[in-house]
Amino acid sequence: MLPSLHDGYPDMTKLRTLCLAGLLACAAAAPAMAFFEPPITSERDAACREVARAKVFTAPDPDGVGLYETGKRIYRACMAAAPGKVGITKASQTR
């Protein structure tokens, strides 16, 4: 017969406390880990976000700044480019 969790295991209280503390720590850190993306303001903004998402994993990162900063750099470069040169193809616009 298998013992139940309540049959004389004093360490279960410690385990429950530890699990609860871990859950609370994760809940407290969750807002800091979530990245807020502001609403899309124009067609150009939407197109540049798409370009950044498409290129972020293949773009070089010589400075070692990470994916988020690399994506922001790609987005900013796209927004600063001439209006007709957004960098997406017509095939990706028809999705």
PDB file of N, CA and C in Angstrom:
ATOM      1  N   MET A   1       0.843  -1.177   0.000  1.00  0.00           N
ATOM      2  CA  MET A   1       0.000   0.000   0.000  1.00  0.00           C
ATOM      3  C   MET A   1       0.891   1.244   0.000  1.00  0.00           C
ATOM      4  N   LEU A   2       0.553   2.195  -0.847  1.00  0.00           N
ATOM      5  CA  LEU A   2       1.337   3.413  -0.943  1.00  0.00           C
ATOM      6  C   LEU A   2       0.951   4.388   0.161  1.00  0.00           C
ATOM      7  N   PRO A   3       1.938   5.043   0.757  1.00  0.00           N
ATOM      8  CA  PRO A   3       1.606   6.023   1.798  1.00  0.00           C
ATOM      9  C   PRO A   3       1.004   7.276   1.165  1.00  0.00           C
ATOM     10  N   SER A   4       0.093   7.901   1.879  1.00  0.00           N
ATOM     11  CA  SER A   4      -0.480   9.148   1.376  1.00  0.00           C
ATOM     12  C   SER A   4       0.448  10.301   1.748  1.00  0.00           C
ATOM     13  N   LEU A   5       0.187  11.444   1.211  1.00  0.00           N
ATOM     14  CA  LEU A   5       1.027  12.597   1.482  1.00  0.00           C
ATOM     15  C   LEU A   5       0.902  13.103   2.918  1.00  0.00           C
ATOM     16  N   HIS A   6      -0.155  12.722   3.596  1.00  0.00           N
ATOM     17  CA  HIS A   6      -0.388  13.230   4.948  1.00  0.00           C
ATOM     18  C   HIS A   6      -0.002  12.236   6.040  1.00  0.00           C
ATOM     19  N   ASP A   7       0.571  11.104   5.700  1.00  0.00           N
ATOM     20  CA  ASP A   7       0.912  10.071   6.677  1.00  0.00           C
ATOM     21  C   ASP A   7       2.292  10.289   7.272  1.00  0.00           C
ATOM     22  N   GLY A   8       2.409  11.216   8.152  1.00  0.00           N
ATOM     23  CA  GLY A   8       3.634  11.368   8.923  1.00  0.00           C
ATOM     24  C   GLY A   8       4.844  11.843   8.144  1.00  0.00           C
ATOM     25  N   TYR A   9       4.665  12.718   7.197  1.00  0.00           N
ATOM     26  CA  TYR A   9       5.795  13.288   6.475  1.00  0.00           C
ATOM     27  C   TYR A   9       5.941  14.753   6.884  1.00  0.00           C
ATOM     28  N   PRO A  10       6.762  15.042   7.872  1.00  0.00           N
ATOM     29  CA  PRO A  10       6.888  16.427   8.340  1.00  0.00           C
ATOM     30  C   PRO A  10       7.529  17.342   7.296  1.00  0.00           C
ATOM     31  N   ASP A  11       8.272  16.767   6.363  1.00  0.00           N
ATOM     32  CA  ASP A  11       8.910  17.593   5.347  1.00  0.00           C
ATOM     33  C   ASP A  11       7.917  18.113   4.309  1.00  0.00           C
ATOM     34  N   MET A  12       6.714  17.575   4.295  1.00  0.00           N
ATOM     35  CA  MET A  12       5.722  18.053   3.333  1.00  0.00           C
ATOM     36  C   MET A  12       5.345  19.503   3.606  1.00  0.00           C
ATOM     37  N   THR A  13       5.337  19.907   4.859  1.00  0.00           N
ATOM     38  CA  THR A  13       5.036  21.300   5.185  1.00  0.00           C
ATOM     39  C   THR A  13       6.112  22.211   4.608  1.00  0.00           C
ATOM     40  N   LYS A  14       7.353  21.775   4.750  1.00  0.00           N
ATOM     41  CA  LYS A  14       8.458  22.555   4.195  1.00  0.00           C
ATOM     42  C   LYS A  14       8.368  22.601   2.671  1.00  0.00           C
ATOM     43  N   LEU A  15       8.007  21.475   2.081  1.00  0.00           N
ATOM     44  CA  LEU A  15       7.891  21.413   0.631  1.00  0.00           C
ATOM     45  C   LEU A  15       6.774  22.325   0.135  1.00  0.00           C
ATOM     46  N   ARG A  16       5.629  22.286   0.827  1.00  0.00           N
ATOM     47  CA  ARG A  16       4.524  23.165   0.447  1.00  0.00           C
ATOM     48  C   ARG A  16       4.912  24.636   0.583  1.00  0.00           C
ATOM     49  N   THR A  17       5.602  24.969   1.649  1.00  0.00           N
ATOM     50  CA  THR A  17       6.041  26.348   1.872  1.00  0.00           C
ATOM     51  C   THR A  17       7.006  26.792   0.782  1.00  0.00           C
ATOM     52  N   LEU A  18       7.927  25.903   0.425  1.00  0.00           N
ATOM     53  CA  LEU A  18       8.891  26.216  -0.618  1.00  0.00           C
ATOM     54  C   LEU A  18       8.200  26.404  -1.970  1.00  0.00           C
ATOM     55  N   CYS A  19       7.257  25.551  -2.284  1.00  0.00           N
ATOM     56  CA  CYS A  19       6.508  25.674  -3.541  1.00  0.00           C
ATOM     57  C   CYS A  19       5.708  26.971  -3.575  1.00  0.00           C
ATOM     58  N   LEU A  20       5.076  27.309  -2.471  1.00  0.00           N
ATOM     59  CA  LEU A  20       4.311  28.543  -2.401  1.00  0.00           C
ATOM     60  C   LEU A  20       5.219  29.755  -2.565  1.00  0.00           C
ATOM     61  N   ALA A  21       6.386  29.720  -1.938  1.00  0.00           N
ATOM     62  CA  ALA A  21       7.340  30.826  -2.077  1.00  0.00           C
ATOM     63  C   ALA A  21       7.811  30.956  -3.529  1.00  0.00           C
ATOM     64  N   GLY A  22       8.043  29.839  -4.179  1.00  0.00           N
ATOM     65  CA  GLY A  22       8.449  29.863  -5.586  1.00  0.00           C
ATOM     66  C   GLY A  22       7.364  30.429  -6.482  1.00  0.00           C
ATOM     67  N   LEU A  23       6.129  30.045  -6.235  1.00  0.00           N
ATOM     68  CA  LEU A  23       5.015  30.576  -7.025  1.00  0.00           C
ATOM     69  C   LEU A  23       4.861  32.082  -6.827  1.00  0.00           C
ATOM     70  N   LEU A  24       4.998  32.529  -5.596  1.00  0.00           N
ATOM     71  CA  LEU A  24       4.893  33.960  -5.326  1.00  0.00           C
ATOM     72  C   LEU A  24       6.028  34.737  -5.989  1.00  0.00           C
ATOM     73  N   ALA A  25       7.226  34.178  -5.983  1.00  0.00           N
ATOM     74  CA  ALA A  25       8.362  34.838  -6.627  1.00  0.00           C
ATOM     75  C   ALA A  25       8.142  34.931  -8.137  1.00  0.00           C
ATOM     76  N   CYS A  26       7.629  33.875  -8.735  1.00  0.00           N
ATOM     77  CA  CYS A  26       7.346  33.901 -10.181  1.00  0.00           C
ATOM     78  C   CYS A  26       6.244  34.905 -10.503  1.00  0.00           C
ATOM     79  N   ALA A  27       5.225  34.961  -9.666  1.00  0.00           N
ATOM     80  CA  ALA A  27       4.130  35.904  -9.899  1.00  0.00           C
ATOM     81  C   ALA A  27       4.610  37.340  -9.773  1.00  0.00           C
ATOM     82  N   ALA A  28       5.522  37.591  -8.861  1.00  0.00           N
ATOM     83  CA  ALA A  28       6.043  38.943  -8.678  1.00  0.00           C
ATOM     84  C   ALA A  28       6.957  39.345  -9.831  1.00  0.00           C
ATOM     85  N   ALA A  29       7.678  38.394 -10.404  1.00  0.00           N
ATOM     86  CA  ALA A  29       8.624  38.701 -11.477  1.00  0.00           C
ATOM     87  C   ALA A  29       7.972  38.718 -12.854  1.00  0.00           C
ATOM     88  N   ALA A  30       6.784  38.168 -12.996  1.00  0.00           N
ATOM     89  CA  ALA A  30       6.140  38.066 -14.306  1.00  0.00           C
ATOM     90  C   ALA A  30       5.936  39.414 -15.001  1.00  0.00           C
ATOM     91  N   PRO A  31       5.464  40.438 -14.323  1.00  0.00           N
ATOM     92  CA  PRO A  31       5.307  41.722 -15.031  1.00  0.00           C
ATOM     93  C   PRO A  31       6.627  42.299 -15.529  1.00  0.00           C
ATOM     94  N   ALA A  32       7.690  42.063 -14.820  1.00  0.00           N
ATOM     95  CA  ALA A  32       8.985  42.585 -15.255  1.00  0.00           C
ATOM     96  C   ALA A  32       9.491  41.855 -16.494  1.00  0.00           C
ATOM     97  N   MET A  33       9.096  40.606 -16.674  1.00  0.00           N
ATOM     98  CA  MET A  33       9.556  39.833 -17.813  1.00  0.00           C
ATOM     99  C   MET A  33       8.720  40.061 -19.062  1.00  0.00           C
ATOM    100  N   ALA A  34       7.505  40.549 -18.902  1.00  0.00           N
ATOM    101  CA  ALA A  34       6.628  40.767 -20.048  1.00  0.00           C
ATOM    102  C   ALA A  34       7.020  42.062 -20.753  1.00  0.00           C
ATOM    103  N   PHE A  35       7.129  41.994 -22.072  1.00  0.00           N
ATOM    104  CA  PHE A  35       7.460  43.171 -22.859  1.00  0.00           C
ATOM    105  C   PHE A  35       6.166  43.762 -23.393  1.00  0.00           C
ATOM    106  N   PHE A  36       5.981  45.034 -23.121  1.00  0.00           N
ATOM    107  CA  PHE A  36       4.793  45.731 -23.596  1.00  0.00           C
ATOM    108  C   PHE A  36       5.039  46.229 -25.009  1.00  0.00           C
ATOM    109  N   GLU A  37       4.144  45.895 -25.905  1.00  0.00           N
ATOM    110  CA  GLU A  37       4.237  46.360 -27.280  1.00  0.00           C
ATOM    111  C   GLU A  37       3.119  47.372 -27.507  1.00  0.00           C
ATOM    112  N   PRO A  38       3.482  48.637 -27.777  1.00  0.00           N
ATOM    113  CA  PRO A  38       2.450  49.653 -27.952  1.00  0.00           C
ATOM    114  C   PRO A  38       1.584  49.370 -29.175  1.00  0.00           C
ATOM    115  N   PRO A  39       0.397  49.958 -29.226  1.00  0.00           N
ATOM    116  CA  PRO A  39      -0.484  49.712 -30.371  1.00  0.00           C
ATOM    117  C   PRO A  39       0.122  50.216 -31.680  1.00  0.00           C
ATOM    118  N   ILE A  40      -0.242  49.571 -32.759  1.00  0.00           N
ATOM    119  CA  ILE A  40       0.244  49.948 -34.085  1.00  0.00           C
ATOM    120  C   ILE A  40      -0.391  51.286 -34.464  1.00  0.00           C
ATOM    121  N   THR A  41       0.448  52.215 -34.937  1.00  0.00           N
ATOM    122  CA  THR A  41      -0.038  53.565 -35.234  1.00  0.00           C
ATOM    123  C   THR A  41      -0.214  53.847 -36.721  1.00  0.00           C
ATOM    124  N   SER A  42       0.407  53.044 -37.582  1.00  0.00           N
ATOM    125  CA  SER A  42       0.285  53.294 -39.018  1.00  0.00           C
ATOM    126  C   SER A  42       0.616  52.021 -39.785  1.00  0.00           C
ATOM    127  N   GLU A  43       0.363  52.065 -41.089  1.00  0.00           N
ATOM    128  CA  GLU A  43       0.713  50.915 -41.928  1.00  0.00           C
ATOM    129  C   GLU A  43       2.225  50.729 -41.963  1.00  0.00           C
ATOM    130  N   ARG A  44       2.959  51.825 -41.970  1.00  0.00           N
ATOM    131  CA  ARG A  44       4.426  51.763 -41.972  1.00  0.00           C
ATOM    132  C   ARG A  44       4.939  51.129 -40.680  1.00  0.00           C
ATOM    133  N   ASP A  45       4.331  51.504 -39.564  1.00  0.00           N
ATOM    134  CA  ASP A  45       4.698  50.930 -38.270  1.00  0.00           C
ATOM    135  C   ASP A  45       4.474  49.419 -38.289  1.00  0.00           C
ATOM    136  N   ALA A  46       3.328  48.992 -38.792  1.00  0.00           N
ATOM    137  CA  ALA A  46       3.021  47.563 -38.866  1.00  0.00           C
ATOM    138  C   ALA A  46       4.003  46.828 -39.773  1.00  0.00           C
ATOM    139  N   ALA A  47       4.318  47.460 -40.918  1.00  0.00           N
ATOM    140  CA  ALA A  47       5.243  46.832 -41.869  1.00  0.00           C
ATOM    141  C   ALA A  47       6.640  46.711 -41.262  1.00  0.00           C
ATOM    142  N   CYS A  48       7.084  47.733 -40.558  1.00  0.00           N
ATOM    143  CA  CYS A  48       8.419  47.691 -39.953  1.00  0.00           C
ATOM    144  C   CYS A  48       8.489  46.686 -38.806  1.00  0.00           C
ATOM    145  N   ARG A  49       7.405  46.526 -38.072  1.00  0.00           N
ATOM    146  CA  ARG A  49       7.382  45.488 -37.026  1.00  0.00           C
ATOM    147  C   ARG A  49       7.511  44.107 -37.649  1.00  0.00           C
ATOM    148  N   GLU A  50       6.831  43.922 -38.783  1.00  0.00           N
ATOM    149  CA  GLU A  50       6.909  42.636 -39.479  1.00  0.00           C
ATOM    150  C   GLU A  50       8.334  42.375 -39.978  1.00  0.00           C
ATOM    151  N   VAL A  51       8.964  43.423 -40.508  1.00  0.00           N
ATOM    152  CA  VAL A  51      10.348  43.300 -40.978  1.00  0.00           C
ATOM    153  C   VAL A  51      11.260  42.926 -39.817  1.00  0.00           C
ATOM    154  N   ALA A  52      11.104  43.596 -38.682  1.00  0.00           N
ATOM    155  CA  ALA A  52      11.953  43.323 -37.521  1.00  0.00           C
ATOM    156  C   ALA A  52      11.760  41.887 -37.028  1.00  0.00           C
ATOM    157  N   ARG A  53      10.512  41.430 -36.994  1.00  0.00           N
ATOM    158  CA  ARG A  53      10.256  40.047 -36.557  1.00  0.00           C
ATOM    159  C   ARG A  53      10.867  39.032 -37.519  1.00  0.00           C
ATOM    160  N   ALA A  54      10.828  39.356 -38.801  1.00  0.00           N
ATOM    161  CA  ALA A  54      11.356  38.435 -39.813  1.00  0.00           C
ATOM    162  C   ALA A  54      12.878  38.367 -39.794  1.00  0.00           C
ATOM    163  N   LYS A  55      13.529  39.469 -39.441  1.00  0.00           N
ATOM    164  CA  LYS A  55      14.987  39.535 -39.539  1.00  0.00           C
ATOM    165  C   LYS A  55      15.728  39.364 -38.210  1.00  0.00           C
ATOM    166  N   VAL A  56      15.029  39.417 -37.086  1.00  0.00           N
ATOM    167  CA  VAL A  56      15.720  39.462 -35.794  1.00  0.00           C
ATOM    168  C   VAL A  56      16.565  38.219 -35.517  1.00  0.00           C
ATOM    169  N   PHE A  57      16.140  37.051 -35.978  1.00  0.00           N
ATOM    170  CA  PHE A  57      16.889  35.824 -35.687  1.00  0.00           C
ATOM    171  C   PHE A  57      18.060  35.601 -36.639  1.00  0.00           C
ATOM    172  N   THR A  58      18.066  36.290 -37.767  1.00  0.00           N
ATOM    173  CA  THR A  58      19.149  36.106 -38.733  1.00  0.00           C
ATOM    174  C   THR A  58      20.103  37.288 -38.787  1.00  0.00           C
ATOM    175  N   ALA A  59      19.755  38.380 -38.137  1.00  0.00           N
ATOM    176  CA  ALA A  59      20.615  39.568 -38.153  1.00  0.00           C
ATOM    177  C   ALA A  59      21.857  39.337 -37.292  1.00  0.00           C
ATOM    178  N   PRO A  60      23.003  39.850 -37.724  1.00  0.00           N
ATOM    179  CA  PRO A  60      24.208  39.721 -36.901  1.00  0.00           C
ATOM    180  C   PRO A  60      24.086  40.556 -35.626  1.00  0.00           C
ATOM    181  N   ASP A  61      24.725  40.096 -34.578  1.00  0.00           N
ATOM    182  CA  ASP A  61      24.712  40.798 -33.294  1.00  0.00           C
ATOM    183  C   ASP A  61      26.143  40.916 -32.784  1.00  0.00           C
ATOM    184  N   PRO A  62      26.986  41.724 -33.444  1.00  0.00           N
ATOM    185  CA  PRO A  62      28.388  41.809 -33.033  1.00  0.00           C
ATOM    186  C   PRO A  62      28.579  42.452 -31.665  1.00  0.00           C
ATOM    187  N   ASP A  63      27.628  43.292 -31.241  1.00  0.00           N
ATOM    188  CA  ASP A  63      27.743  43.957 -29.942  1.00  0.00           C
ATOM    189  C   ASP A  63      27.252  43.068 -28.800  1.00  0.00           C
ATOM    190  N   GLY A  64      26.571  41.975 -29.125  1.00  0.00           N
ATOM    191  CA  GLY A  64      26.056  41.073 -28.101  1.00  0.00           C
ATOM    192  C   GLY A  64      24.929  41.682 -27.277  1.00  0.00           C
ATOM    193  N   VAL A  65      24.069  42.474 -27.912  1.00  0.00           N
ATOM    194  CA  VAL A  65      23.004  43.160 -27.177  1.00  0.00           C
ATOM    195  C   VAL A  65      21.756  42.300 -26.982  1.00  0.00           C
ATOM    196  N   GLY A  66      21.625  41.218 -27.708  1.00  0.00           N
ATOM    197  CA  GLY A  66      20.484  40.332 -27.541  1.00  0.00           C
ATOM    198  C   GLY A  66      19.404  40.566 -28.573  1.00  0.00           C
ATOM    199  N   LEU A  67      18.421  39.669 -28.577  1.00  0.00           N
ATOM    200  CA  LEU A  67      17.368  39.685 -29.594  1.00  0.00           C
ATOM    201  C   LEU A  67      16.468  40.912 -29.494  1.00  0.00           C
ATOM    202  N   TYR A  68      16.087  41.300 -28.282  1.00  0.00           N
ATOM    203  CA  TYR A  68      15.163  42.424 -28.122  1.00  0.00           C
ATOM    204  C   TYR A  68      15.774  43.711 -28.669  1.00  0.00           C
ATOM    205  N   GLU A  69      16.999  44.012 -28.282  1.00  0.00           N
ATOM    206  CA  GLU A  69      17.661  45.239 -28.752  1.00  0.00           C
ATOM    207  C   GLU A  69      17.954  45.163 -30.248  1.00  0.00           C
ATOM    208  N   THR A  70      18.324  43.990 -30.745  1.00  0.00           N
ATOM    209  CA  THR A  70      18.553  43.820 -32.184  1.00  0.00           C
ATOM    210  C   THR A  70      17.265  44.101 -32.953  1.00  0.00           C
ATOM    211  N   GLY A  71      16.148  43.591 -32.466  1.00  0.00           N
ATOM    212  CA  GLY A  71      14.859  43.853 -33.101  1.00  0.00           C
ATOM    213  C   GLY A  71      14.505  45.328 -33.096  1.00  0.00           C
ATOM    214  N   LYS A  72      14.780  46.001 -31.979  1.00  0.00           N
ATOM    215  CA  LYS A  72      14.526  47.441 -31.921  1.00  0.00           C
ATOM    216  C   LYS A  72      15.379  48.198 -32.923  1.00  0.00           C
ATOM    217  N   ARG A  73      16.627  47.778 -33.092  1.00  0.00           N
ATOM    218  CA  ARG A  73      17.512  48.436 -34.060  1.00  0.00           C
ATOM    219  C   ARG A  73      17.008  48.241 -35.486  1.00  0.00           C
ATOM    220  N   ILE A  74      16.568  47.020 -35.801  1.00  0.00           N
ATOM    221  CA  ILE A  74      16.030  46.747 -37.136  1.00  0.00           C
ATOM    222  C   ILE A  74      14.781  47.595 -37.372  1.00  0.00           C
ATOM    223  N   TYR A  75      13.917  47.671 -36.378  1.00  0.00           N
ATOM    224  CA  TYR A  75      12.684  48.464 -36.481  1.00  0.00           C
ATOM    225  C   TYR A  75      13.010  49.942 -36.703  1.00  0.00           C
ATOM    226  N   ARG A  76      13.921  50.480 -35.907  1.00  0.00           N
ATOM    227  CA  ARG A  76      14.282  51.900 -36.039  1.00  0.00           C
ATOM    228  C   ARG A  76      14.887  52.195 -37.409  1.00  0.00           C
ATOM    229  N   ALA A  77      15.735  51.295 -37.900  1.00  0.00           N
ATOM    230  CA  ALA A  77      16.331  51.485 -39.225  1.00  0.00           C
ATOM    231  C   ALA A  77      15.255  51.464 -40.306  1.00  0.00           C
ATOM    232  N   CYS A  78      14.293  50.590 -40.167  1.00  0.00           N
ATOM    233  CA  CYS A  78      13.194  50.504 -41.124  1.00  0.00           C
ATOM    234  C   CYS A  78      12.350  51.773 -41.086  1.00  0.00           C
ATOM    235  N   MET A  79      12.049  52.270 -39.911  1.00  0.00           N
ATOM    236  CA  MET A  79      11.244  53.484 -39.780  1.00  0.00           C
ATOM    237  C   MET A  79      11.979  54.704 -40.332  1.00  0.00           C
ATOM    238  N   ALA A  80      13.312  54.714 -40.246  1.00  0.00           N
ATOM    239  CA  ALA A  80      14.105  55.843 -40.729  1.00  0.00           C
ATOM    240  C   ALA A  80      14.348  55.772 -42.239  1.00  0.00           C
ATOM    241  N   ALA A  81      14.124  54.611 -42.845  1.00  0.00           N
ATOM    242  CA  ALA A  81      14.356  54.445 -44.289  1.00  0.00           C
ATOM    243  C   ALA A  81      13.353  55.271 -45.086  1.00  0.00           C
ATOM    244  N   ALA A  82      13.645  55.428 -46.358  1.00  0.00           N
ATOM    245  CA  ALA A  82      12.736  56.161 -47.243  1.00  0.00           C
ATOM    246  C   ALA A  82      11.369  55.479 -47.245  1.00  0.00           C
ATOM    247  N   PRO A  83      10.277  56.254 -47.347  1.00  0.00           N
ATOM    248  CA  PRO A  83       8.925  55.685 -47.247  1.00  0.00           C
ATOM    249  C   PRO A  83       8.637  54.527 -48.195  1.00  0.00           C
ATOM    250  N   GLY A  84       9.210  54.500 -49.395  1.00  0.00           N
ATOM    251  CA  GLY A  84       8.932  53.422 -50.334  1.00  0.00           C
ATOM    252  C   GLY A  84       9.760  52.178 -50.111  1.00  0.00           C
ATOM    253  N   LYS A  85      10.725  52.234 -49.210  1.00  0.00           N
ATOM    254  CA  LYS A  85      11.643  51.119 -49.017  1.00  0.00           C
ATOM    255  C   LYS A  85      11.482  50.512 -47.622  1.00  0.00           C
ATOM    256  N   VAL A  86      10.349  49.892 -47.395  1.00  0.00           N
ATOM    257  CA  VAL A  86      10.073  49.306 -46.089  1.00  0.00           C
ATOM    258  C   VAL A  86      10.787  47.985 -45.917  1.00  0.00           C
ATOM    259  N   GLY A  87      10.950  47.220 -46.974  1.00  0.00           N
ATOM    260  CA  GLY A  87      11.710  45.984 -46.872  1.00  0.00           C
ATOM    261  C   GLY A  87      10.888  44.719 -46.811  1.00  0.00           C
ATOM    262  N   ILE A  88       9.606  44.800 -47.152  1.00  0.00           N
ATOM    263  CA  ILE A  88       8.792  43.595 -47.214  1.00  0.00           C
ATOM    264  C   ILE A  88       8.327  43.419 -48.651  1.00  0.00           C
ATOM    265  N   THR A  89       8.055  42.199 -49.005  1.00  0.00           N
ATOM    266  CA  THR A  89       7.647  41.903 -50.366  1.00  0.00           C
ATOM    267  C   THR A  89       6.120  41.943 -50.478  1.00  0.00           C
ATOM    268  N   LYS A  90       5.617  42.019 -51.696  1.00  0.00           N
ATOM    269  CA  LYS A  90       4.177  42.021 -51.900  1.00  0.00           C
ATOM    270  C   LYS A  90       3.555  40.707 -51.473  1.00  0.00           C
ATOM    271  N   ALA A  91       4.314  39.628 -51.578  1.00  0.00           N
ATOM    272  CA  ALA A  91       3.798  38.317 -51.177  1.00  0.00           C
ATOM    273  C   ALA A  91       3.486  38.291 -49.689  1.00  0.00           C
ATOM    274  N   SER A  92       4.301  38.940 -48.878  1.00  0.00           N
ATOM    275  CA  SER A  92       4.053  38.925 -47.437  1.00  0.00           C
ATOM    276  C   SER A  92       2.923  39.902 -47.065  1.00  0.00           C
ATOM    277  N   GLN A  93       2.594  40.865 -47.928  1.00  0.00           N
ATOM    278  CA  GLN A  93       1.511  41.790 -47.652  1.00  0.00           C
ATOM    279  C   GLN A  93       0.154  41.164 -47.925  1.00  0.00           C
ATOM    280  N   THR A  94       0.104  40.135 -48.719  1.00  0.00           N
ATOM    281  CA  THR A  94      -1.179  39.527 -49.089  1.00  0.00           C
ATOM    282  C   THR A  94      -1.625  38.448 -48.124  1.00  0.00           C
ATOM    283  N   ARG A  95      -0.921  38.225 -47.066  1.00  0.00           N
ATOM    284  CA  ARG A  95      -1.300  37.185 -46.096  1.00  0.00           C
ATOM    285  C   ARG A  95      -2.571  37.504 -45.399  1.00  0.00           C
TER     286      ARG A  95
END
